């Protein structure tokens, strides 16, 4: 049930206070009672608004999921291209590197290097011994050397 106050409607129900002299002290207010509301039911409107809000939320979620899937697919494709480029670079680098040396070859080379090292130590020790021997057999500067004559020697017959 709805009530409306209106000053210009006819026939209103007039309730006005009476002045002591029998005249109206103030202009009367009219009160109308409408049996049927003129607009839609507020509960129906609220329900309609709630349905629209739920539809909007559902649509927004659907769009967000679509965007998320698109971004995820793009990221996966980009990651796959990065991995493929890295694999290709590894293949290129591996093709440029020398072939690996077999363990047998490494053992043979290590043994040869050990033999050369041992031989060098022996040679270094012998050279050191020779140096010491030569420094002992040299005359010291205080001892005179035998004089050699520059004159020709006589021929012996």
C-alpha atoms as a PDB file:
ATOM      1  CA  UNK A   1       0.000   0.000   0.000  1.00  0.00           C
ATOM      2  CA  UNK A   2       1.387   3.415  -0.920  1.00  0.00           C
ATOM      3  CA  UNK A   3       0.670   6.882   0.395  1.00  0.00           C
ATOM      4  CA  UNK A   4       1.184  10.143  -1.384  1.00  0.00           C
ATOM      5  CA  UNK A   5       0.811  13.692  -0.182  1.00  0.00           C
ATOM      6  CA  UNK A   6      -0.502  16.097  -2.746  1.00  0.00           C
ATOM      7  CA  UNK A   7      -1.759  19.682  -2.541  1.00  0.00           C
ATOM      8  CA  UNK A   8      -3.800  19.886  -5.770  1.00  0.00           C
ATOM      9  CA  UNK A   9      -5.765  16.631  -5.998  1.00  0.00           C
ATOM     10  CA  UNK A  10      -9.502  16.219  -5.671  1.00  0.00           C
ATOM     11  CA  UNK A  11     -11.282  14.650  -3.730  1.00  0.00           C
ATOM     12  CA  UNK A  12      -8.734  14.399  -0.956  1.00  0.00           C
ATOM     13  CA  UNK A  13      -9.335  13.374   2.548  1.00  0.00           C
ATOM     14  CA  UNK A  14      -8.716  16.617   4.346  1.00  0.00           C
ATOM     15  CA  UNK A  15      -7.489  16.672   7.867  1.00  0.00           C
ATOM     16  CA  UNK A  16      -6.882  20.193   9.035  1.00  0.00           C
ATOM     17  CA  UNK A  17      -6.752  21.685  12.457  1.00  0.00           C
ATOM     18  CA  UNK A  18      -9.503  24.144  13.157  1.00  0.00           C
ATOM     19  CA  UNK A  19      -8.825  27.562  14.523  1.00  0.00           C
ATOM     20  CA  UNK A  20     -10.842  28.684  17.571  1.00  0.00           C
ATOM     21  CA  UNK A  21     -12.962  30.947  15.376  1.00  0.00           C
ATOM     22  CA  UNK A  22     -13.977  28.008  13.179  1.00  0.00           C
ATOM     23  CA  UNK A  23     -11.764  28.846  10.287  1.00  0.00           C
ATOM     24  CA  UNK A  24      -8.838  26.810   9.044  1.00  0.00           C
ATOM     25  CA  UNK A  25      -5.618  27.983  10.587  1.00  0.00           C
ATOM     26  CA  UNK A  26      -3.438  26.484   7.871  1.00  0.00           C
ATOM     27  CA  UNK A  27      -3.907  25.261   4.391  1.00  0.00           C
ATOM     28  CA  UNK A  28      -5.018  21.635   4.525  1.00  0.00           C
ATOM     29  CA  UNK A  29      -2.843  18.768   3.267  1.00  0.00           C
ATOM     30  CA  UNK A  30      -4.410  16.108   1.147  1.00  0.00           C
ATOM     31  CA  UNK A  31      -3.621  12.437   1.625  1.00  0.00           C
ATOM     32  CA  UNK A  32      -4.152   9.887  -1.167  1.00  0.00           C
ATOM     33  CA  UNK A  33      -4.160   6.150  -0.756  1.00  0.00           C
ATOM     34  CA  UNK A  34      -3.361   4.175  -3.906  1.00  0.00           C
ATOM     35  CA  UNK A  35      -4.686   0.647  -3.959  1.00  0.00           C
ATOM     36  CA  UNK A  36      -2.200  -0.566  -6.612  1.00  0.00           C
ATOM     37  CA  UNK A  37       1.409   0.603  -6.833  1.00  0.00           C
ATOM     38  CA  UNK A  38       2.209   2.253 -10.131  1.00  0.00           C
ATOM     39  CA  UNK A  39       5.743   0.743 -10.578  1.00  0.00           C
ATOM     40  CA  UNK A  40       7.107  -2.785 -10.466  1.00  0.00           C
ATOM     41  CA  UNK A  41       7.475  -4.598  -7.185  1.00  0.00           C
ATOM     42  CA  UNK A  42      10.789  -3.624  -5.479  1.00  0.00           C
ATOM     43  CA  UNK A  43      11.540  -7.244  -4.614  1.00  0.00           C
ATOM     44  CA  UNK A  44      11.252  -8.198  -8.272  1.00  0.00           C
ATOM     45  CA  UNK A  45      13.560  -5.305  -9.226  1.00  0.00           C
ATOM     46  CA  UNK A  46      16.133  -6.353  -6.613  1.00  0.00           C
ATOM     47  CA  UNK A  47      15.977  -9.932  -7.885  1.00  0.00           C
ATOM     48  CA  UNK A  48      16.449  -8.727 -11.454  1.00  0.00           C
ATOM     49  CA  UNK A  49      19.460  -6.614 -10.415  1.00  0.00           C
ATOM     50  CA  UNK A  50      20.999  -9.579  -8.557  1.00  0.00           C
ATOM     51  CA  UNK A  51      20.549 -11.815 -11.624  1.00  0.00           C
ATOM     52  CA  UNK A  52      22.225  -9.183 -13.812  1.00  0.00           C
ATOM     53  CA  UNK A  53      25.092  -8.857 -11.313  1.00  0.00           C
ATOM     54  CA  UNK A  54      25.609 -12.654 -11.305  1.00  0.00           C
ATOM     55  CA  UNK A  55      25.551 -12.755 -15.114  1.00  0.00           C
ATOM     56  CA  UNK A  56      28.116  -9.948 -15.243  1.00  0.00           C
ATOM     57  CA  UNK A  57      30.343 -11.769 -12.717  1.00  0.00           C
ATOM     58  CA  UNK A  58      30.069 -15.030 -14.684  1.00  0.00           C
ATOM     59  CA  UNK A  59      30.930 -13.271 -17.946  1.00  0.00           C
ATOM     60  CA  UNK A  60      33.880 -11.488 -16.324  1.00  0.00           C
ATOM     61  CA  UNK A  61      35.218 -14.764 -14.911  1.00  0.00           C
ATOM     62  CA  UNK A  62      34.846 -16.433 -18.314  1.00  0.00           C
ATOM     63  CA  UNK A  63      36.738 -13.604 -20.030  1.00  0.00           C
ATOM     64  CA  UNK A  64      39.476 -13.695 -17.379  1.00  0.00           C
ATOM     65  CA  UNK A  65      39.873 -17.454 -17.835  1.00  0.00           C
ATOM     66  CA  UNK A  66      40.119 -16.978 -21.599  1.00  0.00           C
ATOM     67  CA  UNK A  67      42.788 -14.288 -21.190  1.00  0.00           C
ATOM     68  CA  UNK A  68      44.687 -16.492 -18.708  1.00  0.00           C
ATOM     69  CA  UNK A  69      44.618 -19.434 -21.139  1.00  0.00           C
ATOM     70  CA  UNK A  70      45.845 -17.203 -23.971  1.00  0.00           C
ATOM     71  CA  UNK A  71      48.691 -15.836 -21.868  1.00  0.00           C
ATOM     72  CA  UNK A  72      49.628 -19.338 -20.668  1.00  0.00           C
ATOM     73  CA  UNK A  73      49.690 -20.703 -24.224  1.00  0.00           C
ATOM     74  CA  UNK A  74      51.832 -17.781 -25.399  1.00  0.00           C
ATOM     75  CA  UNK A  75      54.244 -18.284 -22.486  1.00  0.00           C
ATOM     76  CA  UNK A  76      54.538 -22.002 -23.220  1.00  0.00           C
ATOM     77  CA  UNK A  77      55.221 -21.318 -26.900  1.00  0.00           C
ATOM     78  CA  UNK A  78      57.862 -18.724 -26.000  1.00  0.00           C
ATOM     79  CA  UNK A  79      59.510 -21.095 -23.512  1.00  0.00           C
ATOM     80  CA  UNK A  80      59.553 -23.867 -26.119  1.00  0.00           C
ATOM     81  CA  UNK A  81      61.265 -21.565 -28.638  1.00  0.00           C
ATOM     82  CA  UNK A  82      63.885 -20.586 -26.037  1.00  0.00           C
ATOM     83  CA  UNK A  83      64.591 -24.242 -25.243  1.00  0.00           C
ATOM     84  CA  UNK A  84      64.852 -25.081 -28.948  1.00  0.00           C
ATOM     85  CA  UNK A  85      67.308 -22.223 -29.560  1.00  0.00           C
ATOM     86  CA  UNK A  86      69.396 -23.366 -26.570  1.00  0.00           C
ATOM     87  CA  UNK A  87      69.467 -26.946 -27.907  1.00  0.00           C
ATOM     88  CA  UNK A  88      70.591 -25.692 -31.312  1.00  0.00           C
ATOM     89  CA  UNK A  89      73.371 -23.629 -29.708  1.00  0.00           C
ATOM     90  CA  UNK A  90      74.558 -26.694 -27.767  1.00  0.00           C
ATOM     91  CA  UNK A  91      74.627 -28.715 -30.983  1.00  0.00           C
ATOM     92  CA  UNK A  92      76.604 -25.959 -32.743  1.00  0.00           C
ATOM     93  CA  UNK A  93      79.133 -25.686 -29.903  1.00  0.00           C
ATOM     94  CA  UNK A  94      79.504 -29.458 -29.675  1.00  0.00           C
ATOM     95  CA  UNK A  95      80.184 -29.633 -33.425  1.00  0.00           C
ATOM     96  CA  UNK A  96      82.998 -27.081 -33.078  1.00  0.00           C
ATOM     97  CA  UNK A  97      84.718 -28.723 -30.091  1.00  0.00           C
ATOM     98  CA  UNK A  98      87.410 -31.358 -30.598  1.00  0.00           C
ATOM     99  CA  UNK A  99      86.431 -34.986 -30.174  1.00  0.00           C
ATOM    100  CA  UNK A 100      86.920 -36.419 -26.702  1.00  0.00           C
ATOM    101  CA  UNK A 101      90.165 -38.287 -25.936  1.00  0.00           C
ATOM    102  CA  UNK A 102      89.745 -41.919 -25.003  1.00  0.00           C
ATOM    103  CA  UNK A 103      90.871 -43.026 -21.518  1.00  0.00           C
ATOM    104  CA  UNK A 104      93.481 -45.393 -23.028  1.00  0.00           C
ATOM    105  CA  UNK A 105      95.152 -42.518 -24.886  1.00  0.00           C
ATOM    106  CA  UNK A 106      95.143 -40.431 -21.714  1.00  0.00           C
ATOM    107  CA  UNK A 107      96.875 -43.274 -19.812  1.00  0.00           C
ATOM    108  CA  UNK A 108      99.563 -43.647 -22.503  1.00  0.00           C
ATOM    109  CA  UNK A 109     100.216 -39.894 -22.603  1.00  0.00           C
ATOM    110  CA  UNK A 110     100.375 -39.713 -18.794  1.00  0.00           C
ATOM    111  CA  UNK A 111     102.902 -42.553 -18.689  1.00  0.00           C
ATOM    112  CA  UNK A 112     105.042 -40.853 -21.364  1.00  0.00           C
ATOM    113  CA  UNK A 113     104.952 -37.569 -19.457  1.00  0.00           C
ATOM    114  CA  UNK A 114     106.007 -39.380 -16.266  1.00  0.00           C
ATOM    115  CA  UNK A 115     108.965 -40.950 -18.135  1.00  0.00           C
ATOM    116  CA  UNK A 116     110.037 -37.580 -19.579  1.00  0.00           C
ATOM    117  CA  UNK A 117     109.798 -36.014 -16.120  1.00  0.00           C
ATOM    118  CA  UNK A 118     111.956 -38.734 -14.578  1.00  0.00           C
ATOM    119  CA  UNK A 119     114.514 -38.450 -17.401  1.00  0.00           C
ATOM    120  CA  UNK A 120     114.665 -34.677 -16.982  1.00  0.00           C
ATOM    121  CA  UNK A 121     115.293 -35.066 -13.244  1.00  0.00           C
ATOM    122  CA  UNK A 122     118.161 -37.477 -13.925  1.00  0.00           C
ATOM    123  CA  UNK A 123     119.660 -35.156 -16.567  1.00  0.00           C
ATOM    124  CA  UNK A 124     119.319 -32.148 -14.257  1.00  0.00           C
ATOM    125  CA  UNK A 125     121.088 -34.053 -11.450  1.00  0.00           C
ATOM    126  CA  UNK A 126     123.914 -35.124 -13.796  1.00  0.00           C
ATOM    127  CA  UNK A 127     124.322 -31.565 -15.104  1.00  0.00           C
ATOM    128  CA  UNK A 128     124.508 -30.269 -11.545  1.00  0.00           C
ATOM    129  CA  UNK A 129     127.158 -32.875 -10.707  1.00  0.00           C
ATOM    130  CA  UNK A 130     129.138 -31.888 -13.822  1.00  0.00           C
ATOM    131  CA  UNK A 131     128.977 -28.211 -12.838  1.00  0.00           C
ATOM    132  CA  UNK A 132     130.280 -29.014  -9.373  1.00  0.00           C
ATOM    133  CA  UNK A 133     133.077 -31.102 -10.838  1.00  0.00           C
ATOM    134  CA  UNK A 134     134.125 -28.352 -13.226  1.00  0.00           C
ATOM    135  CA  UNK A 135     134.176 -25.706 -10.518  1.00  0.00           C
ATOM    136  CA  UNK A 136     136.462 -27.860  -8.315  1.00  0.00           C
ATOM    137  CA  UNK A 137     138.991 -28.665 -11.061  1.00  0.00           C
ATOM    138  CA  UNK A 138     139.393 -25.031 -12.189  1.00  0.00           C
ATOM    139  CA  UNK A 139     142.456 -23.328 -10.698  1.00  0.00           C
ATOM    140  CA  UNK A 140     141.757 -20.630  -8.237  1.00  0.00           C
ATOM    141  CA  UNK A 141     142.785 -17.073  -9.186  1.00  0.00           C
ATOM    142  CA  UNK A 142     145.495 -17.048  -6.456  1.00  0.00           C
ATOM    143  CA  UNK A 143     147.387 -19.969  -8.025  1.00  0.00           C
ATOM    144  CA  UNK A 144     149.557 -18.952 -11.007  1.00  0.00           C
ATOM    145  CA  UNK A 145     149.021 -20.688 -14.247  1.00  0.00           C
ATOM    146  CA  UNK A 146     151.965 -22.110 -16.043  1.00  0.00           C
ATOM    147  CA  UNK A 147     153.302 -19.606 -18.511  1.00  0.00           C
ATOM    148  CA  UNK A 148     153.112 -20.468 -22.089  1.00  0.00           C
ATOM    149  CA  UNK A 149     155.767 -19.291 -24.345  1.00  0.00           C
ATOM    150  CA  UNK A 150     154.849 -17.465 -27.452  1.00  0.00           C
ATOM    151  CA  UNK A 151     158.139 -18.426 -29.090  1.00  0.00           C
ATOM    152  CA  UNK A 152     158.121 -21.318 -31.448  1.00  0.00           C
ATOM    153  CA  UNK A 153     159.361 -24.571 -30.058  1.00  0.00           C
ATOM    154  CA  UNK A 154     162.337 -26.187 -31.553  1.00  0.00           C
ATOM    155  CA  UNK A 155     161.748 -29.157 -33.688  1.00  0.00           C
ATOM    156  CA  UNK A 156     162.917 -32.302 -32.181  1.00  0.00           C
ATOM    157  CA  UNK A 157     164.640 -34.784 -34.297  1.00  0.00           C
END
